[in-house]
């Protein structure tokens, strides 16, 4: 029966996009007859029913973004941060834990999530909004997507803004935790490894951002990628250095000095 159901639900659709999506999903479903039978019925229905609400929702989002750019960006930043921190907390309880720690049963840390969301909503997102505006206004404003303009914006972002914003993040987290006296040490311990991880992801991401993404939607693009980046930052914030991994949390010069000692 499964091939019959497949032929019935994957034919006679005028929407080529829907057909492509159905075929893509179908090819990736494990070869289990019962599962394919259920999904052959439900997937086309879900795609059809969700198409118009999604299109309408995107149009409404773009209109709101044009009318209230900063509040809308702050809201999307809060959502992305929530998802990223949730992913990090779940991963931390499922075997992806800080060095030297043991996997534990998942328990949602609400205060930690609130701190992340507050930072992203009221500090991180507004700063990114203003910073992107500064870059657009001062680097090749007449030809903003030229290769040189894109490269210059990416370098300015990664060389100037990234270390400052990362320092601000770790110090702000300690202040919100109620331990401002630990802010400097937290930055010393975590700034370097975080920057190393940052440079593996964000330069390439920002090349795409500055070259192809409309300025009004750059924060949304960053939010989508930042779901996973926030998961890493949440993990890095929760990681506690131990003697066995101390060298991993220092700069190369400091690590070499410790080796000699």
C-alpha atoms as a PDB file:
ATOM      1  CA  UNK A   1       0.000   0.000   0.000  1.00  0.00           C
ATOM      2  CA  UNK A   2       2.820   2.401   0.704  1.00  0.00           C
ATOM      3  CA  UNK A   3       3.923   2.851  -2.953  1.00  0.00           C
ATOM      4  CA  UNK A   4       0.283   3.474  -3.881  1.00  0.00           C
ATOM      5  CA  UNK A   5      -0.069   6.144  -1.192  1.00  0.00           C
ATOM      6  CA  UNK A   6       3.223   7.653  -2.275  1.00  0.00           C
ATOM      7  CA  UNK A   7       2.096   7.933  -5.895  1.00  0.00           C
ATOM      8  CA  UNK A   8      -1.249   9.375  -4.861  1.00  0.00           C
ATOM      9  CA  UNK A   9       0.112  12.124  -2.642  1.00  0.00           C
ATOM     10  CA  UNK A  10       3.158  13.035  -4.713  1.00  0.00           C
ATOM     11  CA  UNK A  11       1.413  13.587  -8.020  1.00  0.00           C
ATOM     12  CA  UNK A  12      -0.947  16.129  -9.541  1.00  0.00           C
ATOM     13  CA  UNK A  13       0.366  19.071  -7.524  1.00  0.00           C
ATOM     14  CA  UNK A  14       0.834  22.248  -9.518  1.00  0.00           C
ATOM     15  CA  UNK A  15       3.136  23.754  -6.925  1.00  0.00           C
ATOM     16  CA  UNK A  16       6.620  22.581  -7.967  1.00  0.00           C
ATOM     17  CA  UNK A  17       8.109  23.880  -4.737  1.00  0.00           C
ATOM     18  CA  UNK A  18       5.794  21.662  -2.706  1.00  0.00           C
ATOM     19  CA  UNK A  19       6.687  18.667  -4.838  1.00  0.00           C
ATOM     20  CA  UNK A  20      10.388  19.281  -4.315  1.00  0.00           C
ATOM     21  CA  UNK A  21       9.948  19.609  -0.570  1.00  0.00           C
ATOM     22  CA  UNK A  22       7.913  16.426  -0.372  1.00  0.00           C
ATOM     23  CA  UNK A  23      10.453  14.493  -2.427  1.00  0.00           C
ATOM     24  CA  UNK A  24      13.325  15.816  -0.311  1.00  0.00           C
ATOM     25  CA  UNK A  25      11.614  14.721   2.897  1.00  0.00           C
ATOM     26  CA  UNK A  26      10.618  11.378   1.423  1.00  0.00           C
ATOM     27  CA  UNK A  27      14.167  10.442   0.396  1.00  0.00           C
ATOM     28  CA  UNK A  28      15.407  11.062   3.930  1.00  0.00           C
ATOM     29  CA  UNK A  29      12.801   9.002   5.789  1.00  0.00           C
ATOM     30  CA  UNK A  30      14.078   5.637   7.042  1.00  0.00           C
ATOM     31  CA  UNK A  31      12.863   2.730   4.950  1.00  0.00           C
ATOM     32  CA  UNK A  32      10.062   1.763   7.294  1.00  0.00           C
ATOM     33  CA  UNK A  33       6.710   1.124   5.627  1.00  0.00           C
ATOM     34  CA  UNK A  34       4.533   2.240   8.518  1.00  0.00           C
ATOM     35  CA  UNK A  35       6.446   5.478   9.013  1.00  0.00           C
ATOM     36  CA  UNK A  36       6.357   6.304   5.325  1.00  0.00           C
ATOM     37  CA  UNK A  37       2.662   5.559   5.141  1.00  0.00           C
ATOM     38  CA  UNK A  38       1.903   8.002   7.950  1.00  0.00           C
ATOM     39  CA  UNK A  39       4.209  10.700   6.620  1.00  0.00           C
ATOM     40  CA  UNK A  40       2.984  10.258   3.055  1.00  0.00           C
ATOM     41  CA  UNK A  41      -0.409  11.338   4.317  1.00  0.00           C
ATOM     42  CA  UNK A  42       0.606  14.031   6.784  1.00  0.00           C
ATOM     43  CA  UNK A  43       3.529  15.815   5.084  1.00  0.00           C
ATOM     44  CA  UNK A  44       1.624  17.059   1.994  1.00  0.00           C
ATOM     45  CA  UNK A  45      -1.249  18.188   4.189  1.00  0.00           C
ATOM     46  CA  UNK A  46       1.031  20.065   6.596  1.00  0.00           C
ATOM     47  CA  UNK A  47       2.963  21.744   3.773  1.00  0.00           C
ATOM     48  CA  UNK A  48      -0.238  22.811   2.070  1.00  0.00           C
ATOM     49  CA  UNK A  49      -1.877  24.136   5.235  1.00  0.00           C
ATOM     50  CA  UNK A  50       1.240  25.910   6.462  1.00  0.00           C
ATOM     51  CA  UNK A  51       2.114  27.612   3.188  1.00  0.00           C
ATOM     52  CA  UNK A  52      -0.289  30.539   3.317  1.00  0.00           C
ATOM     53  CA  UNK A  53       0.061  31.252   7.076  1.00  0.00           C
ATOM     54  CA  UNK A  54       3.846  31.267   6.694  1.00  0.00           C
ATOM     55  CA  UNK A  55       3.708  33.633   3.730  1.00  0.00           C
ATOM     56  CA  UNK A  56       1.281  35.874   5.584  1.00  0.00           C
ATOM     57  CA  UNK A  57       3.408  35.759   8.725  1.00  0.00           C
ATOM     58  CA  UNK A  58       6.552  36.704   6.816  1.00  0.00           C
ATOM     59  CA  UNK A  59       4.774  39.625   5.192  1.00  0.00           C
ATOM     60  CA  UNK A  60       3.541  40.823   8.553  1.00  0.00           C
ATOM     61  CA  UNK A  61       7.033  40.488  10.018  1.00  0.00           C
ATOM     62  CA  UNK A  62       8.549  42.579   7.210  1.00  0.00           C
ATOM     63  CA  UNK A  63       5.907  45.272   7.656  1.00  0.00           C
ATOM     64  CA  UNK A  64       6.510  45.396  11.407  1.00  0.00           C
ATOM     65  CA  UNK A  65      10.258  45.477  10.813  1.00  0.00           C
ATOM     66  CA  UNK A  66       9.869  48.493   8.566  1.00  0.00           C
ATOM     67  CA  UNK A  67       7.621  50.318  11.027  1.00  0.00           C
ATOM     68  CA  UNK A  68       9.364  49.373  14.279  1.00  0.00           C
ATOM     69  CA  UNK A  69      12.856  48.150  13.358  1.00  0.00           C
ATOM     70  CA  UNK A  70      14.553  48.064  16.735  1.00  0.00           C
ATOM     71  CA  UNK A  71      11.676  46.581  18.813  1.00  0.00           C
ATOM     72  CA  UNK A  72      11.130  43.834  16.223  1.00  0.00           C
ATOM     73  CA  UNK A  73      14.836  43.019  16.144  1.00  0.00           C
ATOM     74  CA  UNK A  74      14.910  42.908  19.951  1.00  0.00           C
ATOM     75  CA  UNK A  75      12.010  40.464  19.939  1.00  0.00           C
ATOM     76  CA  UNK A  76      13.628  38.163  17.393  1.00  0.00           C
ATOM     77  CA  UNK A  77      16.887  38.375  19.340  1.00  0.00           C
ATOM     78  CA  UNK A  78      15.089  37.250  22.486  1.00  0.00           C
ATOM     79  CA  UNK A  79      13.545  34.275  20.677  1.00  0.00           C
ATOM     80  CA  UNK A  80      16.832  33.207  19.108  1.00  0.00           C
ATOM     81  CA  UNK A  81      18.651  33.504  22.423  1.00  0.00           C
ATOM     82  CA  UNK A  82      16.016  31.441  24.200  1.00  0.00           C
ATOM     83  CA  UNK A  83      16.336  28.669  21.606  1.00  0.00           C
ATOM     84  CA  UNK A  84      20.139  28.726  21.692  1.00  0.00           C
ATOM     85  CA  UNK A  85      20.320  28.564  25.474  1.00  0.00           C
ATOM     86  CA  UNK A  86      17.706  25.810  25.557  1.00  0.00           C
ATOM     87  CA  UNK A  87      19.801  23.824  23.076  1.00  0.00           C
ATOM     88  CA  UNK A  88      22.922  24.329  25.201  1.00  0.00           C
ATOM     89  CA  UNK A  89      21.169  23.298  28.411  1.00  0.00           C
ATOM     90  CA  UNK A  90      19.708  20.216  26.785  1.00  0.00           C
ATOM     91  CA  UNK A  91      23.051  19.241  25.238  1.00  0.00           C
ATOM     92  CA  UNK A  92      24.792  19.739  28.564  1.00  0.00           C
ATOM     93  CA  UNK A  93      22.459  17.225  30.185  1.00  0.00           C
ATOM     94  CA  UNK A  94      22.827  14.753  27.323  1.00  0.00           C
ATOM     95  CA  UNK A  95      26.518  14.080  27.407  1.00  0.00           C
ATOM     96  CA  UNK A  96      27.912  17.292  25.861  1.00  0.00           C
ATOM     97  CA  UNK A  97      29.214  18.746  29.090  1.00  0.00           C
ATOM     98  CA  UNK A  98      31.998  20.993  30.248  1.00  0.00           C
ATOM     99  CA  UNK A  99      35.403  19.297  30.731  1.00  0.00           C
ATOM    100  CA  UNK A 100      35.658  17.455  34.022  1.00  0.00           C
ATOM    101  CA  UNK A 101      31.910  17.444  34.684  1.00  0.00           C
ATOM    102  CA  UNK A 102      29.462  14.570  34.643  1.00  0.00           C
ATOM    103  CA  UNK A 103      26.269  14.338  32.557  1.00  0.00           C
ATOM    104  CA  UNK A 104      23.225  15.104  34.644  1.00  0.00           C
ATOM    105  CA  UNK A 105      19.504  14.735  34.167  1.00  0.00           C
ATOM    106  CA  UNK A 106      18.042  17.673  32.268  1.00  0.00           C
ATOM    107  CA  UNK A 107      16.758  20.443  34.499  1.00  0.00           C
ATOM    108  CA  UNK A 108      15.943  23.769  32.903  1.00  0.00           C
ATOM    109  CA  UNK A 109      17.898  26.632  34.450  1.00  0.00           C
ATOM    110  CA  UNK A 110      15.413  29.474  34.212  1.00  0.00           C
ATOM    111  CA  UNK A 111      17.560  32.206  35.860  1.00  0.00           C
ATOM    112  CA  UNK A 112      20.383  31.473  33.425  1.00  0.00           C
ATOM    113  CA  UNK A 113      17.982  31.688  30.466  1.00  0.00           C
ATOM    114  CA  UNK A 114      16.553  34.970  31.754  1.00  0.00           C
ATOM    115  CA  UNK A 115      20.024  36.489  32.027  1.00  0.00           C
ATOM    116  CA  UNK A 116      20.803  35.479  28.452  1.00  0.00           C
ATOM    117  CA  UNK A 117      17.534  36.829  27.115  1.00  0.00           C
ATOM    118  CA  UNK A 118      17.865  40.112  29.023  1.00  0.00           C
ATOM    119  CA  UNK A 119      21.378  40.614  27.665  1.00  0.00           C
ATOM    120  CA  UNK A 120      20.404  39.781  24.074  1.00  0.00           C
ATOM    121  CA  UNK A 121      17.246  41.896  24.155  1.00  0.00           C
ATOM    122  CA  UNK A 122      18.509  45.047  25.833  1.00  0.00           C
ATOM    123  CA  UNK A 123      22.260  45.035  25.147  1.00  0.00           C
ATOM    124  CA  UNK A 124      23.364  42.666  22.388  1.00  0.00           C
ATOM    125  CA  UNK A 125      20.671  43.300  19.785  1.00  0.00           C
ATOM    126  CA  UNK A 126      20.548  47.121  20.129  1.00  0.00           C
ATOM    127  CA  UNK A 127      24.343  47.259  19.882  1.00  0.00           C
ATOM    128  CA  UNK A 128      24.319  45.082  16.753  1.00  0.00           C
ATOM    129  CA  UNK A 129      21.565  47.246  15.257  1.00  0.00           C
ATOM    130  CA  UNK A 130      23.595  50.418  15.823  1.00  0.00           C
ATOM    131  CA  UNK A 131      26.885  48.824  14.774  1.00  0.00           C
ATOM    132  CA  UNK A 132      25.545  47.550  11.451  1.00  0.00           C
ATOM    133  CA  UNK A 133      24.203  51.039  10.803  1.00  0.00           C
ATOM    134  CA  UNK A 134      27.632  52.543  11.476  1.00  0.00           C
ATOM    135  CA  UNK A 135      29.247  50.104   9.049  1.00  0.00           C
ATOM    136  CA  UNK A 136      26.686  50.789   6.315  1.00  0.00           C
ATOM    137  CA  UNK A 137      26.962  54.573   6.733  1.00  0.00           C
ATOM    138  CA  UNK A 138      30.755  54.743   6.740  1.00  0.00           C
ATOM    139  CA  UNK A 139      32.047  51.946   4.500  1.00  0.00           C
ATOM    140  CA  UNK A 140      31.256  52.397   0.797  1.00  0.00           C
ATOM    141  CA  UNK A 141      27.685  53.652   1.292  1.00  0.00           C
ATOM    142  CA  UNK A 142      27.308  54.178  -2.476  1.00  0.00           C
ATOM    143  CA  UNK A 143      28.314  50.606  -3.300  1.00  0.00           C
ATOM    144  CA  UNK A 144      27.611  48.640  -0.103  1.00  0.00           C
ATOM    145  CA  UNK A 145      27.736  45.142  -1.597  1.00  0.00           C
ATOM    146  CA  UNK A 146      30.945  45.474  -3.603  1.00  0.00           C
ATOM    147  CA  UNK A 147      33.600  42.875  -2.713  1.00  0.00           C
ATOM    148  CA  UNK A 148      35.850  45.481  -1.076  1.00  0.00           C
ATOM    149  CA  UNK A 149      32.986  46.933   0.968  1.00  0.00           C
ATOM    150  CA  UNK A 150      31.888  43.486   2.146  1.00  0.00           C
ATOM    151  CA  UNK A 151      35.434  42.517   3.097  1.00  0.00           C
ATOM    152  CA  UNK A 152      36.040  45.827   4.900  1.00  0.00           C
ATOM    153  CA  UNK A 153      32.812  45.487   6.897  1.00  0.00           C
ATOM    154  CA  UNK A 154      33.622  41.926   7.874  1.00  0.00           C
ATOM    155  CA  UNK A 155      37.145  42.855   9.004  1.00  0.00           C
ATOM    156  CA  UNK A 156      35.915  45.874  10.952  1.00  0.00           C
ATOM    157  CA  UNK A 157      33.301  43.753  12.667  1.00  0.00           C
ATOM    158  CA  UNK A 158      35.659  40.934  13.586  1.00  0.00           C
ATOM    159  CA  UNK A 159      38.702  43.014  14.520  1.00  0.00           C
ATOM    160  CA  UNK A 160      37.020  45.940  16.287  1.00  0.00           C
ATOM    161  CA  UNK A 161      33.587  44.901  17.499  1.00  0.00           C
ATOM    162  CA  UNK A 162      33.968  41.212  18.239  1.00  0.00           C
ATOM    163  CA  UNK A 163      36.524  41.440  21.097  1.00  0.00           C
ATOM    164  CA  UNK A 164      34.663  44.361  22.670  1.00  0.00           C
ATOM    165  CA  UNK A 165      31.232  42.731  22.458  1.00  0.00           C
ATOM    166  CA  UNK A 166      32.558  39.394  23.745  1.00  0.00           C
ATOM    167  CA  UNK A 167      34.213  41.105  26.716  1.00  0.00           C
ATOM    168  CA  UNK A 168      30.988  42.969  27.412  1.00  0.00           C
ATOM    169  CA  UNK A 169      29.022  39.706  27.280  1.00  0.00           C
ATOM    170  CA  UNK A 170      31.089  37.799  29.841  1.00  0.00           C
ATOM    171  CA  UNK A 171      31.413  40.751  32.205  1.00  0.00           C
ATOM    172  CA  UNK A 172      27.678  41.520  31.969  1.00  0.00           C
ATOM    173  CA  UNK A 173      26.810  37.915  32.767  1.00  0.00           C
ATOM    174  CA  UNK A 174      28.870  38.041  35.953  1.00  0.00           C
ATOM    175  CA  UNK A 175      27.244  41.295  36.994  1.00  0.00           C
ATOM    176  CA  UNK A 176      23.770  39.838  36.442  1.00  0.00           C
ATOM    177  CA  UNK A 177      24.764  36.727  38.376  1.00  0.00           C
ATOM    178  CA  UNK A 178      25.564  38.986  41.323  1.00  0.00           C
ATOM    179  CA  UNK A 179      29.340  38.469  41.155  1.00  0.00           C
ATOM    180  CA  UNK A 180      30.800  41.626  39.571  1.00  0.00           C
ATOM    181  CA  UNK A 181      34.108  40.953  41.310  1.00  0.00           C
ATOM    182  CA  UNK A 182      34.529  37.863  39.093  1.00  0.00           C
ATOM    183  CA  UNK A 183      33.971  39.706  35.821  1.00  0.00           C
ATOM    184  CA  UNK A 184      37.623  40.405  35.051  1.00  0.00           C
ATOM    185  CA  UNK A 185      38.708  36.827  35.744  1.00  0.00           C
ATOM    186  CA  UNK A 186      35.826  35.464  33.679  1.00  0.00           C
ATOM    187  CA  UNK A 187      36.918  37.563  30.714  1.00  0.00           C
ATOM    188  CA  UNK A 188      40.536  36.446  31.131  1.00  0.00           C
ATOM    189  CA  UNK A 189      39.537  32.787  31.246  1.00  0.00           C
ATOM    190  CA  UNK A 190      37.039  32.749  28.396  1.00  0.00           C
ATOM    191  CA  UNK A 191      37.765  35.565  25.965  1.00  0.00           C
ATOM    192  CA  UNK A 192      40.524  33.833  24.003  1.00  0.00           C
ATOM    193  CA  UNK A 193      38.832  30.429  23.407  1.00  0.00           C
ATOM    194  CA  UNK A 194      35.589  32.198  22.543  1.00  0.00           C
ATOM    195  CA  UNK A 195      37.319  34.389  19.965  1.00  0.00           C
ATOM    196  CA  UNK A 196      38.959  31.313  18.428  1.00  0.00           C
ATOM    197  CA  UNK A 197      35.557  29.651  18.068  1.00  0.00           C
ATOM    198  CA  UNK A 198      34.067  32.917  16.793  1.00  0.00           C
ATOM    199  CA  UNK A 199      36.609  33.198  13.980  1.00  0.00           C
ATOM    200  CA  UNK A 200      35.703  29.726  12.758  1.00  0.00           C
ATOM    201  CA  UNK A 201      32.088  30.792  12.148  1.00  0.00           C
ATOM    202  CA  UNK A 202      31.348  34.485  11.956  1.00  0.00           C
ATOM    203  CA  UNK A 203      33.752  35.802   9.276  1.00  0.00           C
ATOM    204  CA  UNK A 204      32.187  33.514   6.663  1.00  0.00           C
ATOM    205  CA  UNK A 205      28.704  34.209   8.036  1.00  0.00           C
ATOM    206  CA  UNK A 206      29.220  37.954   7.777  1.00  0.00           C
ATOM    207  CA  UNK A 207      30.573  37.743   4.241  1.00  0.00           C
ATOM    208  CA  UNK A 208      27.152  36.342   3.316  1.00  0.00           C
ATOM    209  CA  UNK A 209      25.450  38.839   5.615  1.00  0.00           C
ATOM    210  CA  UNK A 210      26.994  41.970   4.131  1.00  0.00           C
ATOM    211  CA  UNK A 211      26.927  40.720   0.533  1.00  0.00           C
ATOM    212  CA  UNK A 212      23.425  39.263   0.190  1.00  0.00           C
ATOM    213  CA  UNK A 213      21.185  40.081   3.168  1.00  0.00           C
ATOM    214  CA  UNK A 214      19.122  43.307   3.093  1.00  0.00           C
ATOM    215  CA  UNK A 215      20.215  45.673   5.884  1.00  0.00           C
ATOM    216  CA  UNK A 216      16.827  45.512   7.606  1.00  0.00           C
ATOM    217  CA  UNK A 217      17.034  41.718   7.871  1.00  0.00           C
ATOM    218  CA  UNK A 218      20.650  41.320   8.966  1.00  0.00           C
ATOM    219  CA  UNK A 219      19.757  40.969  12.617  1.00  0.00           C
ATOM    220  CA  UNK A 220      17.265  38.232  11.741  1.00  0.00           C
ATOM    221  CA  UNK A 221      19.940  36.431   9.724  1.00  0.00           C
ATOM    222  CA  UNK A 222      22.373  36.714  12.627  1.00  0.00           C
ATOM    223  CA  UNK A 223      19.680  35.503  15.025  1.00  0.00           C
ATOM    224  CA  UNK A 224      19.176  32.357  12.936  1.00  0.00           C
ATOM    225  CA  UNK A 225      22.876  31.534  13.011  1.00  0.00           C
ATOM    226  CA  UNK A 226      23.162  32.692  16.611  1.00  0.00           C
ATOM    227  CA  UNK A 227      20.819  29.939  17.807  1.00  0.00           C
ATOM    228  CA  UNK A 228      23.838  27.651  17.573  1.00  0.00           C
ATOM    229  CA  UNK A 229      26.334  30.341  18.534  1.00  0.00           C
ATOM    230  CA  UNK A 230      24.302  31.137  21.651  1.00  0.00           C
ATOM    231  CA  UNK A 231      24.364  27.441  22.476  1.00  0.00           C
ATOM    232  CA  UNK A 232      28.166  27.596  22.363  1.00  0.00           C
ATOM    233  CA  UNK A 233      28.294  30.819  24.402  1.00  0.00           C
ATOM    234  CA  UNK A 234      25.957  29.341  26.984  1.00  0.00           C
ATOM    235  CA  UNK A 235      28.185  26.276  27.172  1.00  0.00           C
ATOM    236  CA  UNK A 236      31.313  28.439  27.465  1.00  0.00           C
ATOM    237  CA  UNK A 237      29.733  30.542  30.205  1.00  0.00           C
ATOM    238  CA  UNK A 238      28.785  27.420  32.176  1.00  0.00           C
ATOM    239  CA  UNK A 239      32.185  25.750  31.717  1.00  0.00           C
ATOM    240  CA  UNK A 240      34.340  25.857  34.831  1.00  0.00           C
ATOM    241  CA  UNK A 241      38.110  25.661  34.339  1.00  0.00           C
ATOM    242  CA  UNK A 242      39.879  22.764  36.020  1.00  0.00           C
ATOM    243  CA  UNK A 243      43.662  22.237  36.412  1.00  0.00           C
ATOM    244  CA  UNK A 244      43.564  19.571  33.697  1.00  0.00           C
ATOM    245  CA  UNK A 245      42.240  21.985  31.098  1.00  0.00           C
ATOM    246  CA  UNK A 246      43.762  25.234  32.286  1.00  0.00           C
ATOM    247  CA  UNK A 247      46.044  25.478  29.263  1.00  0.00           C
ATOM    248  CA  UNK A 248      43.043  25.236  26.944  1.00  0.00           C
ATOM    249  CA  UNK A 249      41.564  28.412  28.393  1.00  0.00           C
ATOM    250  CA  UNK A 250      44.542  30.687  27.893  1.00  0.00           C
ATOM    251  CA  UNK A 251      46.202  32.430  24.994  1.00  0.00           C
ATOM    252  CA  UNK A 252      49.118  30.670  23.272  1.00  0.00           C
ATOM    253  CA  UNK A 253      51.687  32.916  25.000  1.00  0.00           C
ATOM    254  CA  UNK A 254      50.213  32.253  28.435  1.00  0.00           C
ATOM    255  CA  UNK A 255      49.974  28.543  27.704  1.00  0.00           C
ATOM    256  CA  UNK A 256      53.648  28.379  26.740  1.00  0.00           C
ATOM    257  CA  UNK A 257      54.607  30.232  29.924  1.00  0.00           C
ATOM    258  CA  UNK A 258      52.624  27.756  32.046  1.00  0.00           C
ATOM    259  CA  UNK A 259      54.277  24.816  30.280  1.00  0.00           C
ATOM    260  CA  UNK A 260      57.707  26.167  31.187  1.00  0.00           C
ATOM    261  CA  UNK A 261      56.664  26.518  34.803  1.00  0.00           C
END
